[in-house]
Amino acid sequence: MQTSAAGNSPGLSAGFTLLEVLVVVAIIAMASAGVGLAMRDSSQVQLDREAQRLGALFESARARSRVTGVPVRWHAAPDGFRFEGLASSVLPQQWLDKDTGVMGSADVLLGPEPIIGPQEVVLVSLSQPGRSVRLATDGLRPFAVQSAPP
C-alpha cells in the first residue's frame, strides 16, 4: 500500500468540505453586514429620527385639534418650531438635534377637519445641506417619512 508524502491515507484528497466552506461564507456575510451597519451616516440617521418624531407630533396635534375643534397650525421657527392653537407646554417645540432645519417656509394646517389636504415638510441637515428627508401626507393618511424630495 502506498501513501502520499503528506501522510494522508490512500483515496482521500486534501481540501475543504462543503460544510466548512458554507460556515466560512456565513461568517464573512455576517461580518460584512455588521460593518455596513456600523458605517451608516449618523447625520442621516438623526435626520430620519427627527422626521419620524415630527410625524408623531403632527398626528398628536391633529388628534387634539379634532377633539377640541380648534385649528392647529405648525410652522418652523429659527430656534425650533411652533404649534399655534395649542398651549406651548402640550407638545415639544425644539429639535432633538441642533443640526436640523426646514427647507423653505413650512406651514402645516393640522385640523380640525378630518381631511386636511396634501401637505409636506422637508427637513434638512444644516451642516450638510445635501441631506434631506421629506415628511408628507395626502390629507387622509397619517404623515409618513419619505426619502429625499423629488
C-alpha atoms as a PDB file:
ATOM      1  CA  MET A   1       0.000   0.000   0.000  1.00  0.00           C
ATOM      2  CA  GLN A   2       1.311   3.413  -0.941  1.00  0.00           C
ATOM      3  CA  THR A   3       0.698   6.605   0.990  1.00  0.00           C
ATOM      4  CA  SER A   4       1.281  10.126  -0.141  1.00  0.00           C
ATOM      5  CA  ALA A   5       4.204  12.184   1.020  1.00  0.00           C
ATOM      6  CA  ALA A   6       1.924  14.229   3.257  1.00  0.00           C
ATOM      7  CA  GLY A   7       0.879  11.174   5.173  1.00  0.00           C
ATOM      8  CA  ASN A   8      -2.742  11.011   4.019  1.00  0.00           C
ATOM      9  CA  SER A   9      -4.328   7.619   3.758  1.00  0.00           C
ATOM     10  CA  PRO A  10      -4.946   6.295   0.245  1.00  0.00           C
ATOM     11  CA  GLY A  11      -8.088   7.537  -1.563  1.00  0.00           C
ATOM     12  CA  LEU A  12      -8.512  10.760   0.470  1.00  0.00           C
ATOM     13  CA  SER A  13      -7.711  14.085  -1.082  1.00  0.00           C
ATOM     14  CA  ALA A  14      -6.732  17.245   0.740  1.00  0.00           C
ATOM     15  CA  GLY A  15      -9.250  20.129   0.739  1.00  0.00           C
ATOM     16  CA  PHE A  16     -12.274  21.590   2.481  1.00  0.00           C
ATOM     17  CA  THR A  17     -15.687  20.032   2.835  1.00  0.00           C
ATOM     18  CA  LEU A  18     -18.782  21.808   1.589  1.00  0.00           C
ATOM     19  CA  LEU A  19     -19.917  22.360   5.177  1.00  0.00           C
ATOM     20  CA  GLU A  20     -16.656  24.091   6.103  1.00  0.00           C
ATOM     21  CA  VAL A  21     -16.906  26.396   3.085  1.00  0.00           C
ATOM     22  CA  LEU A  22     -20.533  27.287   3.923  1.00  0.00           C
ATOM     23  CA  VAL A  23     -19.614  28.124   7.518  1.00  0.00           C
ATOM     24  CA  VAL A  24     -16.821  30.442   6.376  1.00  0.00           C
ATOM     25  CA  VAL A  25     -19.110  32.178   3.834  1.00  0.00           C
ATOM     26  CA  ALA A  26     -21.780  32.673   6.526  1.00  0.00           C
ATOM     27  CA  ILE A  27     -19.236  34.208   8.911  1.00  0.00           C
ATOM     28  CA  ILE A  28     -18.000  36.588   6.199  1.00  0.00           C
ATOM     29  CA  ALA A  29     -21.594  37.600   5.354  1.00  0.00           C
ATOM     30  CA  MET A  30     -22.398  38.405   8.998  1.00  0.00           C
ATOM     31  CA  ALA A  31     -19.188  40.401   9.411  1.00  0.00           C
ATOM     32  CA  SER A  32     -19.914  42.372   6.221  1.00  0.00           C
ATOM     33  CA  ALA A  33     -23.442  43.179   7.411  1.00  0.00           C
ATOM     34  CA  GLY A  34     -22.095  44.385  10.762  1.00  0.00           C
ATOM     35  CA  VAL A  35     -19.553  46.653   9.096  1.00  0.00           C
ATOM     36  CA  GLY A  36     -22.204  48.026   6.741  1.00  0.00           C
ATOM     37  CA  LEU A  37     -24.495  48.945   9.623  1.00  0.00           C
ATOM     38  CA  ALA A  38     -21.649  50.470  11.610  1.00  0.00           C
ATOM     39  CA  MET A  39     -20.666  52.698   8.697  1.00  0.00           C
ATOM     40  CA  ARG A  40     -24.141  54.229   8.255  1.00  0.00           C
ATOM     41  CA  ASP A  41     -24.013  58.011   8.269  1.00  0.00           C
ATOM     42  CA  SER A  42     -25.062  59.313  11.672  1.00  0.00           C
ATOM     43  CA  SER A  43     -26.329  62.657  10.318  1.00  0.00           C
ATOM     44  CA  GLN A  44     -28.793  60.889   8.004  1.00  0.00           C
ATOM     45  CA  VAL A  45     -29.912  58.602  10.833  1.00  0.00           C
ATOM     46  CA  GLN A  46     -30.526  61.612  13.079  1.00  0.00           C
ATOM     47  CA  LEU A  47     -32.452  63.380  10.312  1.00  0.00           C
ATOM     48  CA  ASP A  48     -34.644  60.293   9.835  1.00  0.00           C
ATOM     49  CA  ARG A  49     -35.324  60.168  13.590  1.00  0.00           C
ATOM     50  CA  GLU A  50     -36.287  63.847  13.634  1.00  0.00           C
ATOM     51  CA  ALA A  51     -38.703  63.264  10.740  1.00  0.00           C
ATOM     52  CA  GLN A  52     -40.299  60.278  12.487  1.00  0.00           C
ATOM     53  CA  ARG A  53     -40.628  62.283  15.691  1.00  0.00           C
ATOM     54  CA  LEU A  54     -42.161  65.246  13.849  1.00  0.00           C
ATOM     55  CA  GLY A  55     -44.624  62.901  12.128  1.00  0.00           C
ATOM     56  CA  ALA A  56     -45.731  61.590  15.527  1.00  0.00           C
ATOM     57  CA  LEU A  57     -46.066  65.162  16.835  1.00  0.00           C
ATOM     58  CA  PHE A  58     -48.144  66.108  13.770  1.00  0.00           C
ATOM     59  CA  GLU A  59     -50.508  63.190  14.361  1.00  0.00           C
ATOM     60  CA  SER A  60     -50.819  64.076  18.049  1.00  0.00           C
ATOM     61  CA  ALA A  61     -51.594  67.718  17.236  1.00  0.00           C
ATOM     62  CA  ARG A  62     -54.016  66.615  14.533  1.00  0.00           C
ATOM     63  CA  ALA A  63     -55.890  64.405  17.020  1.00  0.00           C
ATOM     64  CA  ARG A  64     -56.005  67.185  19.636  1.00  0.00           C
ATOM     65  CA  SER A  65     -57.314  69.607  17.022  1.00  0.00           C
ATOM     66  CA  ARG A  66     -60.122  67.229  16.051  1.00  0.00           C
ATOM     67  CA  VAL A  67     -61.096  66.618  19.674  1.00  0.00           C
ATOM     68  CA  THR A  68     -61.145  70.299  20.684  1.00  0.00           C
ATOM     69  CA  GLY A  69     -62.370  71.710  17.356  1.00  0.00           C
ATOM     70  CA  VAL A  70     -59.599  74.327  17.456  1.00  0.00           C
ATOM     71  CA  PRO A  71     -57.448  74.744  14.329  1.00  0.00           C
ATOM     72  CA  VAL A  72     -53.795  73.854  14.894  1.00  0.00           C
ATOM     73  CA  ARG A  73     -51.073  75.207  12.632  1.00  0.00           C
ATOM     74  CA  TRP A  74     -47.416  74.154  12.708  1.00  0.00           C
ATOM     75  CA  HIS A  75     -44.619  76.377  11.465  1.00  0.00           C
ATOM     76  CA  ALA A  76     -40.854  76.351  11.666  1.00  0.00           C
ATOM     77  CA  ALA A  77     -39.123  78.948  13.816  1.00  0.00           C
ATOM     78  CA  PRO A  78     -35.451  79.952  13.934  1.00  0.00           C
ATOM     79  CA  ASP A  79     -34.974  78.113  17.223  1.00  0.00           C
ATOM     80  CA  GLY A  80     -37.269  75.123  16.548  1.00  0.00           C
ATOM     81  CA  PHE A  81     -40.949  75.035  15.634  1.00  0.00           C
ATOM     82  CA  ARG A  82     -44.339  76.088  16.995  1.00  0.00           C
ATOM     83  CA  PHE A  83     -47.819  74.579  17.198  1.00  0.00           C
ATOM     84  CA  GLU A  84     -50.250  77.503  17.116  1.00  0.00           C
ATOM     85  CA  GLY A  85     -53.641  76.683  18.618  1.00  0.00           C
ATOM     86  CA  LEU A  86     -52.205  74.523  21.400  1.00  0.00           C
ATOM     87  CA  ALA A  87     -50.700  75.568  24.706  1.00  0.00           C
ATOM     88  CA  SER A  88     -46.920  75.801  24.416  1.00  0.00           C
ATOM     89  CA  SER A  89     -46.442  73.122  27.082  1.00  0.00           C
ATOM     90  CA  VAL A  90     -48.573  70.486  25.324  1.00  0.00           C
ATOM     91  CA  LEU A  91     -46.069  69.416  22.645  1.00  0.00           C
ATOM     92  CA  PRO A  92     -42.297  69.895  22.309  1.00  0.00           C
ATOM     93  CA  GLN A  93     -41.092  72.877  20.302  1.00  0.00           C
ATOM     94  CA  GLN A  94     -37.412  72.054  19.854  1.00  0.00           C
ATOM     95  CA  TRP A  95     -35.458  69.757  17.562  1.00  0.00           C
ATOM     96  CA  LEU A  96     -33.572  66.978  19.299  1.00  0.00           C
ATOM     97  CA  ASP A  97     -30.574  67.677  17.068  1.00  0.00           C
ATOM     98  CA  LYS A  98     -29.497  71.314  16.658  1.00  0.00           C
ATOM     99  CA  ASP A  99     -28.314  70.432  13.119  1.00  0.00           C
ATOM    100  CA  THR A 100     -31.933  70.015  11.926  1.00  0.00           C
ATOM    101  CA  GLY A 101     -33.705  72.668   9.894  1.00  0.00           C
ATOM    102  CA  VAL A 102     -36.596  73.069   7.471  1.00  0.00           C
ATOM    103  CA  MET A 103     -36.284  73.761   3.750  1.00  0.00           C
ATOM    104  CA  GLY A 104     -38.332  76.759   2.693  1.00  0.00           C
ATOM    105  CA  SER A 105     -41.098  78.310   4.734  1.00  0.00           C
ATOM    106  CA  ALA A 106     -43.059  75.349   6.012  1.00  0.00           C
ATOM    107  CA  ASP A 107     -46.551  75.933   7.318  1.00  0.00           C
ATOM    108  CA  VAL A 108     -48.812  72.941   8.016  1.00  0.00           C
ATOM    109  CA  LEU A 109     -52.512  73.057   8.907  1.00  0.00           C
ATOM    110  CA  LEU A 110     -53.352  70.070  11.143  1.00  0.00           C
ATOM    111  CA  GLY A 111     -57.096  70.321  11.661  1.00  0.00           C
ATOM    112  CA  PRO A 112     -59.744  70.321  12.993  1.00  0.00           C
ATOM    113  CA  GLU A 113     -61.250  68.807   9.837  1.00  0.00           C
ATOM    114  CA  PRO A 114     -60.515  65.084   9.302  1.00  0.00           C
ATOM    115  CA  ILE A 115     -59.331  65.749   5.735  1.00  0.00           C
ATOM    116  CA  ILE A 116     -56.583  68.359   5.712  1.00  0.00           C
ATOM    117  CA  GLY A 117     -55.313  68.285   2.122  1.00  0.00           C
ATOM    118  CA  PRO A 118     -51.888  67.214   0.850  1.00  0.00           C
ATOM    119  CA  GLN A 119     -49.032  68.763   2.822  1.00  0.00           C
ATOM    120  CA  GLU A 120     -45.318  68.214   3.242  1.00  0.00           C
ATOM    121  CA  VAL A 121     -42.289  69.368   5.182  1.00  0.00           C
ATOM    122  CA  VAL A 122     -38.696  68.833   4.060  1.00  0.00           C
ATOM    123  CA  LEU A 123     -36.157  68.525   6.862  1.00  0.00           C
ATOM    124  CA  VAL A 124     -32.524  69.250   6.083  1.00  0.00           C
ATOM    125  CA  SER A 125     -29.204  68.937   7.809  1.00  0.00           C
ATOM    126  CA  LEU A 126     -27.857  72.456   8.417  1.00  0.00           C
ATOM    127  CA  SER A 127     -24.225  71.321   8.288  1.00  0.00           C
ATOM    128  CA  GLN A 128     -24.758  69.165   5.167  1.00  0.00           C
ATOM    129  CA  PRO A 129     -27.467  70.842   3.039  1.00  0.00           C
ATOM    130  CA  GLY A 130     -27.473  67.956   0.536  1.00  0.00           C
ATOM    131  CA  ARG A 131     -29.019  65.666   3.145  1.00  0.00           C
ATOM    132  CA  SER A 132     -32.784  65.881   3.441  1.00  0.00           C
ATOM    133  CA  VAL A 133     -35.867  63.852   4.247  1.00  0.00           C
ATOM    134  CA  ARG A 134     -39.491  64.504   3.335  1.00  0.00           C
ATOM    135  CA  LEU A 135     -42.464  64.168   5.691  1.00  0.00           C
ATOM    136  CA  ALA A 136     -45.778  64.177   3.819  1.00  0.00           C
ATOM    137  CA  THR A 137     -49.466  63.266   3.831  1.00  0.00           C
ATOM    138  CA  ASP A 138     -52.121  63.139   1.170  1.00  0.00           C
ATOM    139  CA  GLY A 139     -54.599  64.580   3.688  1.00  0.00           C
ATOM    140  CA  LEU A 140     -56.287  61.305   4.589  1.00  0.00           C
ATOM    141  CA  ARG A 141     -53.416  59.098   5.729  1.00  0.00           C
ATOM    142  CA  PRO A 142     -51.004  59.890   8.557  1.00  0.00           C
ATOM    143  CA  PHE A 143     -47.813  61.791   7.866  1.00  0.00           C
ATOM    144  CA  ALA A 144     -45.117  59.428   6.598  1.00  0.00           C
ATOM    145  CA  VAL A 145     -41.374  59.768   6.252  1.00  0.00           C
ATOM    146  CA  GLN A 146     -40.196  59.525   2.667  1.00  0.00           C
ATOM    147  CA  SER A 147     -36.802  59.730   1.044  1.00  0.00           C
ATOM    148  CA  ALA A 148     -35.298  62.927  -0.305  1.00  0.00           C
ATOM    149  CA  PRO A 149     -37.737  65.208  -2.137  1.00  0.00           C
ATOM    150  CA  PRO A 150     -38.158  64.727  -5.891  1.00  0.00           C
END
